[in-house]
Amino acid sequence: MAEIVLYSQPGCSSCFVAKEFLASHGIAFPEKDVRSDPEFLRELVEDLKSRTTPTLVVGEQVLIGFDPDKFQAALEKRDSEEKK
């Protein structure tokens, strides 16, 4: 199963909505608060080439910002790949 990770930070309203979206779909995910851990911030900026929260990682897919349609498509792609 493709791992799902959400990079977020306190006070980010889009992060809150992204977490609610994932929870409403029954998706368990680790949340990496980029303000609480410098390593998470390094991963976000250097590894994922993002400076935006939320950033969602679904397997190899990196989604920057919250777009419910893109989140849904990434989850559906993950589910279809698991059925193969």
PDB file of N, CA and C in Angstrom:
ATOM      1  N   MET A   1       0.847  -1.188   0.000  1.00  0.00           N
ATOM      2  CA  MET A   1       0.000   0.000   0.000  1.00  0.00           C
ATOM      3  C   MET A   1       0.884   1.239   0.000  1.00  0.00           C
ATOM      4  N   ALA A   2       0.575   2.189  -0.849  1.00  0.00           N
ATOM      5  CA  ALA A   2       1.331   3.431  -0.921  1.00  0.00           C
ATOM      6  C   ALA A   2       1.137   4.221   0.362  1.00  0.00           C
ATOM      7  N   GLU A   3       2.249   4.673   0.917  1.00  0.00           N
ATOM      8  CA  GLU A   3       2.189   5.459   2.145  1.00  0.00           C
ATOM      9  C   GLU A   3       1.611   6.838   1.854  1.00  0.00           C
ATOM     10  N   ILE A   4       0.859   7.339   2.806  1.00  0.00           N
ATOM     11  CA  ILE A   4       0.288   8.686   2.725  1.00  0.00           C
ATOM     12  C   ILE A   4       0.864   9.485   3.884  1.00  0.00           C
ATOM     13  N   VAL A   5       1.443  10.643   3.567  1.00  0.00           N
ATOM     14  CA  VAL A   5       2.030  11.525   4.575  1.00  0.00           C
ATOM     15  C   VAL A   5       1.550  12.940   4.301  1.00  0.00           C
ATOM     16  N   LEU A   6       1.168  13.653   5.368  1.00  0.00           N
ATOM     17  CA  LEU A   6       0.731  15.037   5.222  1.00  0.00           C
ATOM     18  C   LEU A   6       1.710  15.945   5.959  1.00  0.00           C
ATOM     19  N   TYR A   7       2.290  16.897   5.233  1.00  0.00           N
ATOM     20  CA  TYR A   7       3.139  17.929   5.821  1.00  0.00           C
ATOM     21  C   TYR A   7       2.247  19.131   6.097  1.00  0.00           C
ATOM     22  N   SER A   8       2.304  19.624   7.333  1.00  0.00           N
ATOM     23  CA  SER A   8       1.424  20.714   7.727  1.00  0.00           C
ATOM     24  C   SER A   8       2.136  21.617   8.730  1.00  0.00           C
ATOM     25  N   GLN A   9       1.389  22.629   9.198  1.00  0.00           N
ATOM     26  CA  GLN A   9       1.896  23.503  10.254  1.00  0.00           C
ATOM     27  C   GLN A   9       0.719  24.113  10.997  1.00  0.00           C
ATOM     28  N   PRO A  10       0.940  24.485  12.248  1.00  0.00           N
ATOM     29  CA  PRO A  10      -0.139  25.089  13.034  1.00  0.00           C
ATOM     30  C   PRO A  10      -0.621  26.391  12.395  1.00  0.00           C
ATOM     31  N   GLY A  11      -1.904  26.647  12.526  1.00  0.00           N
ATOM     32  CA  GLY A  11      -2.482  27.882  12.018  1.00  0.00           C
ATOM     33  C   GLY A  11      -2.763  27.874  10.528  1.00  0.00           C
ATOM     34  N   CYS A  12      -2.553  26.759   9.887  1.00  0.00           N
ATOM     35  CA  CYS A  12      -2.770  26.633   8.439  1.00  0.00           C
ATOM     36  C   CYS A  12      -4.186  26.109   8.215  1.00  0.00           C
ATOM     37  N   SER A  13      -5.070  26.979   7.747  1.00  0.00           N
ATOM     38  CA  SER A  13      -6.465  26.567   7.574  1.00  0.00           C
ATOM     39  C   SER A  13      -6.606  25.506   6.479  1.00  0.00           C
ATOM     40  N   SER A  14      -5.801  25.595   5.439  1.00  0.00           N
ATOM     41  CA  SER A  14      -5.857  24.576   4.383  1.00  0.00           C
ATOM     42  C   SER A  14      -5.382  23.224   4.903  1.00  0.00           C
ATOM     43  N   CYS A  15      -4.438  23.256   5.844  1.00  0.00           N
ATOM     44  CA  CYS A  15      -3.969  22.005   6.453  1.00  0.00           C
ATOM     45  C   CYS A  15      -5.095  21.348   7.241  1.00  0.00           C
ATOM     46  N   PHE A  16      -5.836  22.164   7.976  1.00  0.00           N
ATOM     47  CA  PHE A  16      -6.965  21.652   8.752  1.00  0.00           C
ATOM     48  C   PHE A  16      -7.990  20.996   7.825  1.00  0.00           C
ATOM     49  N   VAL A  17      -8.301  21.655   6.727  1.00  0.00           N
ATOM     50  CA  VAL A  17      -9.277  21.118   5.771  1.00  0.00           C
ATOM     51  C   VAL A  17      -8.749  19.824   5.148  1.00  0.00           C
ATOM     52  N   ALA A  18      -7.458  19.798   4.826  1.00  0.00           N
ATOM     53  CA  ALA A  18      -6.862  18.588   4.246  1.00  0.00           C
ATOM     54  C   ALA A  18      -6.954  17.420   5.236  1.00  0.00           C
ATOM     55  N   LYS A  19      -6.671  17.676   6.508  1.00  0.00           N
ATOM     56  CA  LYS A  19      -6.767  16.620   7.530  1.00  0.00           C
ATOM     57  C   LYS A  19      -8.198  16.123   7.664  1.00  0.00           C
ATOM     58  N   GLU A  20      -9.140  17.049   7.644  1.00  0.00           N
ATOM     59  CA  GLU A  20     -10.552  16.672   7.727  1.00  0.00           C
ATOM     60  C   GLU A  20     -10.969  15.839   6.507  1.00  0.00           C
ATOM     61  N   PHE A  21     -10.498  16.217   5.340  1.00  0.00           N
ATOM     62  CA  PHE A  21     -10.800  15.477   4.119  1.00  0.00           C
ATOM     63  C   PHE A  21     -10.303  14.040   4.235  1.00  0.00           C
ATOM     64  N   LEU A  22      -9.045  13.870   4.624  1.00  0.00           N
ATOM     65  CA  LEU A  22      -8.478  12.528   4.738  1.00  0.00           C
ATOM     66  C   LEU A  22      -9.212  11.710   5.805  1.00  0.00           C
ATOM     67  N   ALA A  23      -9.487  12.331   6.944  1.00  0.00           N
ATOM     68  CA  ALA A  23     -10.189  11.633   8.022  1.00  0.00           C
ATOM     69  C   ALA A  23     -11.594  11.212   7.584  1.00  0.00           C
ATOM     70  N   SER A  24     -12.267  12.075   6.828  1.00  0.00           N
ATOM     71  CA  SER A  24     -13.630  11.754   6.381  1.00  0.00           C
ATOM     72  C   SER A  24     -13.649  10.591   5.394  1.00  0.00           C
ATOM     73  N   HIS A  25     -12.508  10.314   4.783  1.00  0.00           N
ATOM     74  CA  HIS A  25     -12.382   9.182   3.861  1.00  0.00           C
ATOM     75  C   HIS A  25     -11.764   7.962   4.542  1.00  0.00           C
ATOM     76  N   GLY A  26     -11.610   8.041   5.865  1.00  0.00           N
ATOM     77  CA  GLY A  26     -11.083   6.912   6.618  1.00  0.00           C
ATOM     78  C   GLY A  26      -9.613   6.627   6.361  1.00  0.00           C
ATOM     79  N   ILE A  27      -8.874   7.649   5.964  1.00  0.00           N
ATOM     80  CA  ILE A  27      -7.460   7.483   5.641  1.00  0.00           C
ATOM     81  C   ILE A  27      -6.611   7.775   6.880  1.00  0.00           C
ATOM     82  N   ALA A  28      -5.812   6.792   7.277  1.00  0.00           N
ATOM     83  CA  ALA A  28      -4.860   6.990   8.365  1.00  0.00           C
ATOM     84  C   ALA A  28      -3.564   7.515   7.749  1.00  0.00           C
ATOM     85  N   PHE A  29      -2.968   8.501   8.391  1.00  0.00           N
ATOM     86  CA  PHE A  29      -1.757   9.104   7.832  1.00  0.00           C
ATOM     87  C   PHE A  29      -0.930   9.741   8.939  1.00  0.00           C
ATOM     88  N   PRO A  30       0.400   9.686   8.807  1.00  0.00           N
ATOM     89  CA  PRO A  30       1.222  10.459   9.726  1.00  0.00           C
ATOM     90  C   PRO A  30       1.207  11.916   9.280  1.00  0.00           C
ATOM     91  N   GLU A  31       1.202  12.794  10.251  1.00  0.00           N
ATOM     92  CA  GLU A  31       1.256  14.225   9.980  1.00  0.00           C
ATOM     93  C   GLU A  31       2.623  14.734  10.419  1.00  0.00           C
ATOM     94  N   LYS A  32       3.288  15.449   9.536  1.00  0.00           N
ATOM     95  CA  LYS A  32       4.599  15.998   9.847  1.00  0.00           C
ATOM     96  C   LYS A  32       4.483  17.514   9.947  1.00  0.00           C
ATOM     97  N   ASP A  33       4.569  18.005  11.179  1.00  0.00           N
ATOM     98  CA  ASP A  33       4.482  19.439  11.464  1.00  0.00           C
ATOM     99  C   ASP A  33       5.849  20.062  11.187  1.00  0.00           C
ATOM    100  N   VAL A  34       5.923  20.869  10.133  1.00  0.00           N
ATOM    101  CA  VAL A  34       7.204  21.426   9.705  1.00  0.00           C
ATOM    102  C   VAL A  34       7.736  22.491  10.657  1.00  0.00           C
ATOM    103  N   ARG A  35       6.899  22.986  11.545  1.00  0.00           N
ATOM    104  CA  ARG A  35       7.377  23.956  12.543  1.00  0.00           C
ATOM    105  C   ARG A  35       7.955  23.272  13.772  1.00  0.00           C
ATOM    106  N   SER A  36       7.527  22.054  14.037  1.00  0.00           N
ATOM    107  CA  SER A  36       7.974  21.381  15.263  1.00  0.00           C
ATOM    108  C   SER A  36       9.258  20.585  15.075  1.00  0.00           C
ATOM    109  N   ASP A  37       9.603  20.274  13.825  1.00  0.00           N
ATOM    110  CA  ASP A  37      10.770  19.435  13.588  1.00  0.00           C
ATOM    111  C   ASP A  37      11.519  19.937  12.351  1.00  0.00           C
ATOM    112  N   PRO A  38      12.741  20.421  12.528  1.00  0.00           N
ATOM    113  CA  PRO A  38      13.512  20.931  11.387  1.00  0.00           C
ATOM    114  C   PRO A  38      13.732  19.887  10.294  1.00  0.00           C
ATOM    115  N   GLU A  39      13.772  18.620  10.662  1.00  0.00           N
ATOM    116  CA  GLU A  39      13.954  17.564   9.656  1.00  0.00           C
ATOM    117  C   GLU A  39      12.746  17.486   8.732  1.00  0.00           C
ATOM    118  N   PHE A  40      11.543  17.676   9.278  1.00  0.00           N
ATOM    119  CA  PHE A  40      10.337  17.667   8.444  1.00  0.00           C
ATOM    120  C   PHE A  40      10.361  18.838   7.454  1.00  0.00           C
ATOM    121  N   LEU A  41      10.811  20.002   7.926  1.00  0.00           N
ATOM    122  CA  LEU A  41      10.923  21.156   7.042  1.00  0.00           C
ATOM    123  C   LEU A  41      11.957  20.889   5.948  1.00  0.00           C
ATOM    124  N   ARG A  42      13.072  20.275   6.299  1.00  0.00           N
ATOM    125  CA  ARG A  42      14.094  19.939   5.312  1.00  0.00           C
ATOM    126  C   ARG A  42      13.532  18.993   4.258  1.00  0.00           C
ATOM    127  N   GLU A  43      12.787  17.965   4.704  1.00  0.00           N
ATOM    128  CA  GLU A  43      12.169  17.022   3.769  1.00  0.00           C
ATOM    129  C   GLU A  43      11.237  17.755   2.811  1.00  0.00           C
ATOM    130  N   LEU A  44      10.424  18.645   3.358  1.00  0.00           N
ATOM    131  CA  LEU A  44       9.450  19.379   2.549  1.00  0.00           C
ATOM    132  C   LEU A  44      10.152  20.199   1.463  1.00  0.00           C
ATOM    133  N   VAL A  45      11.158  20.967   1.869  1.00  0.00           N
ATOM    134  CA  VAL A  45      11.815  21.895   0.954  1.00  0.00           C
ATOM    135  C   VAL A  45      12.794  21.186   0.012  1.00  0.00           C
ATOM    136  N   GLU A  46      13.667  20.362   0.570  1.00  0.00           N
ATOM    137  CA  GLU A  46      14.722  19.763  -0.248  1.00  0.00           C
ATOM    138  C   GLU A  46      14.266  18.515  -0.999  1.00  0.00           C
ATOM    139  N   ASP A  47      13.611  17.614  -0.316  1.00  0.00           N
ATOM    140  CA  ASP A  47      13.224  16.348  -0.949  1.00  0.00           C
ATOM    141  C   ASP A  47      11.991  16.495  -1.843  1.00  0.00           C
ATOM    142  N   LEU A  48      11.007  17.254  -1.361  1.00  0.00           N
ATOM    143  CA  LEU A  48       9.739  17.364  -2.084  1.00  0.00           C
ATOM    144  C   LEU A  48       9.635  18.623  -2.937  1.00  0.00           C
ATOM    145  N   LYS A  49      10.603  19.515  -2.807  1.00  0.00           N
ATOM    146  CA  LYS A  49      10.633  20.772  -3.586  1.00  0.00           C
ATOM    147  C   LYS A  49       9.365  21.601  -3.375  1.00  0.00           C
ATOM    148  N   SER A  50       8.907  21.642  -2.129  1.00  0.00           N
ATOM    149  CA  SER A  50       7.715  22.405  -1.776  1.00  0.00           C
ATOM    150  C   SER A  50       8.047  23.393  -0.668  1.00  0.00           C
ATOM    151  N   ARG A  51       7.378  24.512  -0.706  1.00  0.00           N
ATOM    152  CA  ARG A  51       7.477  25.492   0.370  1.00  0.00           C
ATOM    153  C   ARG A  51       6.073  25.820   0.884  1.00  0.00           C
ATOM    154  N   THR A  52       5.151  24.911   0.593  1.00  0.00           N
ATOM    155  CA  THR A  52       3.739  25.147   0.890  1.00  0.00           C
ATOM    156  C   THR A  52       3.183  24.034   1.762  1.00  0.00           C
ATOM    157  N   THR A  53       2.338  24.435   2.719  1.00  0.00           N
ATOM    158  CA  THR A  53       1.555  23.453   3.460  1.00  0.00           C
ATOM    159  C   THR A  53       0.094  23.745   3.152  1.00  0.00           C
ATOM    160  N   PRO A  54      -0.703  22.713   3.055  1.00  0.00           N
ATOM    161  CA  PRO A  54      -0.339  21.317   3.179  1.00  0.00           C
ATOM    162  C   PRO A  54       0.344  20.791   1.918  1.00  0.00           C
ATOM    163  N   THR A  55       1.202  19.830   2.119  1.00  0.00           N
ATOM    164  CA  THR A  55       1.754  19.038   1.027  1.00  0.00           C
ATOM    165  C   THR A  55       1.452  17.587   1.373  1.00  0.00           C
ATOM    166  N   LEU A  56       0.789  16.920   0.448  1.00  0.00           N
ATOM    167  CA  LEU A  56       0.395  15.532   0.654  1.00  0.00           C
ATOM    168  C   LEU A  56       1.250  14.637  -0.229  1.00  0.00           C
ATOM    169  N   VAL A  57       1.783  13.577   0.359  1.00  0.00           N
ATOM    170  CA  VAL A  57       2.543  12.593  -0.389  1.00  0.00           C
ATOM    171  C   VAL A  57       1.744  11.296  -0.373  1.00  0.00           C
ATOM    172  N   VAL A  58       1.441  10.798  -1.573  1.00  0.00           N
ATOM    173  CA  VAL A  58       0.739   9.525  -1.730  1.00  0.00           C
ATOM    174  C   VAL A  58       1.638   8.655  -2.594  1.00  0.00           C
ATOM    175  N   GLY A  59       2.398   7.778  -1.945  1.00  0.00           N
ATOM    176  CA  GLY A  59       3.370   6.983  -2.694  1.00  0.00           C
ATOM    177  C   GLY A  59       4.395   7.894  -3.332  1.00  0.00           C
ATOM    178  N   GLU A  60       4.443   7.901  -4.659  1.00  0.00           N
ATOM    179  CA  GLU A  60       5.381   8.747  -5.404  1.00  0.00           C
ATOM    180  C   GLU A  60       4.775  10.100  -5.797  1.00  0.00           C
ATOM    181  N   GLN A  61       3.471  10.273  -5.578  1.00  0.00           N
ATOM    182  CA  GLN A  61       2.800  11.520  -5.942  1.00  0.00           C
ATOM    183  C   GLN A  61       2.983  12.567  -4.858  1.00  0.00           C
ATOM    184  N   VAL A  62       3.266  13.796  -5.251  1.00  0.00           N
ATOM    185  CA  VAL A  62       3.392  14.915  -4.315  1.00  0.00           C
ATOM    186  C   VAL A  62       2.372  15.960  -4.731  1.00  0.00           C
ATOM    187  N   LEU A  63       1.450  16.263  -3.830  1.00  0.00           N
ATOM    188  CA  LEU A  63       0.399  17.245  -4.091  1.00  0.00           C
ATOM    189  C   LEU A  63       0.637  18.453  -3.202  1.00  0.00           C
ATOM    190  N   ILE A  64       0.873  19.599  -3.808  1.00  0.00           N
ATOM    191  CA  ILE A  64       1.190  20.816  -3.068  1.00  0.00           C
ATOM    192  C   ILE A  64      -0.055  21.672  -2.981  1.00  0.00           C
ATOM    193  N   GLY A  65      -0.428  22.037  -1.745  1.00  0.00           N
ATOM    194  CA  GLY A  65      -1.655  22.788  -1.512  1.00  0.00           C
ATOM    195  C   GLY A  65      -2.832  21.826  -1.421  1.00  0.00           C
ATOM    196  N   PHE A  66      -3.987  22.356  -1.017  1.00  0.00           N
ATOM    197  CA  PHE A  66      -5.164  21.489  -0.897  1.00  0.00           C
ATOM    198  C   PHE A  66      -6.112  21.712  -2.062  1.00  0.00           C
ATOM    199  N   ASP A  67      -6.336  20.654  -2.818  1.00  0.00           N
ATOM    200  CA  ASP A  67      -7.319  20.631  -3.889  1.00  0.00           C
ATOM    201  C   ASP A  67      -8.069  19.312  -3.732  1.00  0.00           C
ATOM    202  N   PRO A  68      -9.337  19.362  -3.296  1.00  0.00           N
ATOM    203  CA  PRO A  68     -10.050  18.119  -3.022  1.00  0.00           C
ATOM    204  C   PRO A  68     -10.120  17.181  -4.219  1.00  0.00           C
ATOM    205  N   ASP A  69     -10.229  17.725  -5.427  1.00  0.00           N
ATOM    206  CA  ASP A  69     -10.290  16.867  -6.616  1.00  0.00           C
ATOM    207  C   ASP A  69      -8.973  16.128  -6.828  1.00  0.00           C
ATOM    208  N   LYS A  70      -7.857  16.826  -6.631  1.00  0.00           N
ATOM    209  CA  LYS A  70      -6.544  16.185  -6.785  1.00  0.00           C
ATOM    210  C   LYS A  70      -6.296  15.168  -5.676  1.00  0.00           C
ATOM    211  N   PHE A  71      -6.715  15.503  -4.452  1.00  0.00           N
ATOM    212  CA  PHE A  71      -6.571  14.557  -3.350  1.00  0.00           C
ATOM    213  C   PHE A  71      -7.362  13.282  -3.658  1.00  0.00           C
ATOM    214  N   GLN A  72      -8.606  13.461  -4.118  1.00  0.00           N
ATOM    215  CA  GLN A  72      -9.463  12.316  -4.423  1.00  0.00           C
ATOM    216  C   GLN A  72      -8.855  11.468  -5.537  1.00  0.00           C
ATOM    217  N   ALA A  73      -8.343  12.114  -6.579  1.00  0.00           N
ATOM    218  CA  ALA A  73      -7.739  11.392  -7.700  1.00  0.00           C
ATOM    219  C   ALA A  73      -6.515  10.603  -7.238  1.00  0.00           C
ATOM    220  N   ALA A  74      -5.706  11.187  -6.356  1.00  0.00           N
ATOM    221  CA  ALA A  74      -4.515  10.489  -5.859  1.00  0.00           C
ATOM    222  C   ALA A  74      -4.906   9.267  -5.035  1.00  0.00           C
ATOM    223  N   LEU A  75      -5.948   9.410  -4.228  1.00  0.00           N
ATOM    224  CA  LEU A  75      -6.412   8.278  -3.419  1.00  0.00           C
ATOM    225  C   LEU A  75      -6.987   7.181  -4.306  1.00  0.00           C
ATOM    226  N   GLU A  76      -7.735   7.569  -5.326  1.00  0.00           N
ATOM    227  CA  GLU A  76      -8.303   6.581  -6.246  1.00  0.00           C
ATOM    228  C   GLU A  76      -7.201   5.861  -7.024  1.00  0.00           C
ATOM    229  N   LYS A  77      -6.177   6.603  -7.435  1.00  0.00           N
ATOM    230  CA  LYS A  77      -5.054   5.982  -8.138  1.00  0.00           C
ATOM    231  C   LYS A  77      -4.349   4.979  -7.227  1.00  0.00           C
ATOM    232  N   ARG A  78      -4.147   5.360  -5.971  1.00  0.00           N
ATOM    233  CA  ARG A  78      -3.523   4.459  -5.006  1.00  0.00           C
ATOM    234  C   ARG A  78      -4.356   3.191  -4.853  1.00  0.00           C
ATOM    235  N   ASP A  79      -5.669   3.360  -4.711  1.00  0.00           N
ATOM    236  CA  ASP A  79      -6.549   2.203  -4.532  1.00  0.00           C
ATOM    237  C   ASP A  79      -6.537   1.296  -5.759  1.00  0.00           C
ATOM    238  N   SER A  80      -6.549   1.891  -6.958  1.00  0.00           N
ATOM    239  CA  SER A  80      -6.548   1.054  -8.166  1.00  0.00           C
ATOM    240  C   SER A  80      -5.235   0.319  -8.353  1.00  0.00           C
ATOM    241  N   GLU A  81      -4.127   0.918  -7.959  1.00  0.00           N
ATOM    242  CA  GLU A  81      -2.834   0.259  -8.071  1.00  0.00           C
ATOM    243  C   GLU A  81      -2.725  -0.903  -7.080  1.00  0.00           C
ATOM    244  N   GLU A  82      -3.381  -0.772  -5.950  1.00  0.00           N
ATOM    245  CA  GLU A  82      -3.339  -1.841  -4.945  1.00  0.00           C
ATOM    246  C   GLU A  82      -4.142  -3.057  -5.387  1.00  0.00           C
ATOM    247  N   LYS A  83      -5.133  -2.857  -6.246  1.00  0.00           N
ATOM    248  CA  LYS A  83      -5.976  -3.959  -6.702  1.00  0.00           C
ATOM    249  C   LYS A  83      -5.309  -4.784  -7.796  1.00  0.00           C
ATOM    250  N   LYS A  84      -4.228  -4.270  -8.353  1.00  0.00           N
ATOM    251  CA  LYS A  84      -3.526  -4.997  -9.438  1.00  0.00           C
ATOM    252  C   LYS A  84      -2.769  -6.177  -8.920  1.00  0.00           C
TER     253      LYS A  84
END
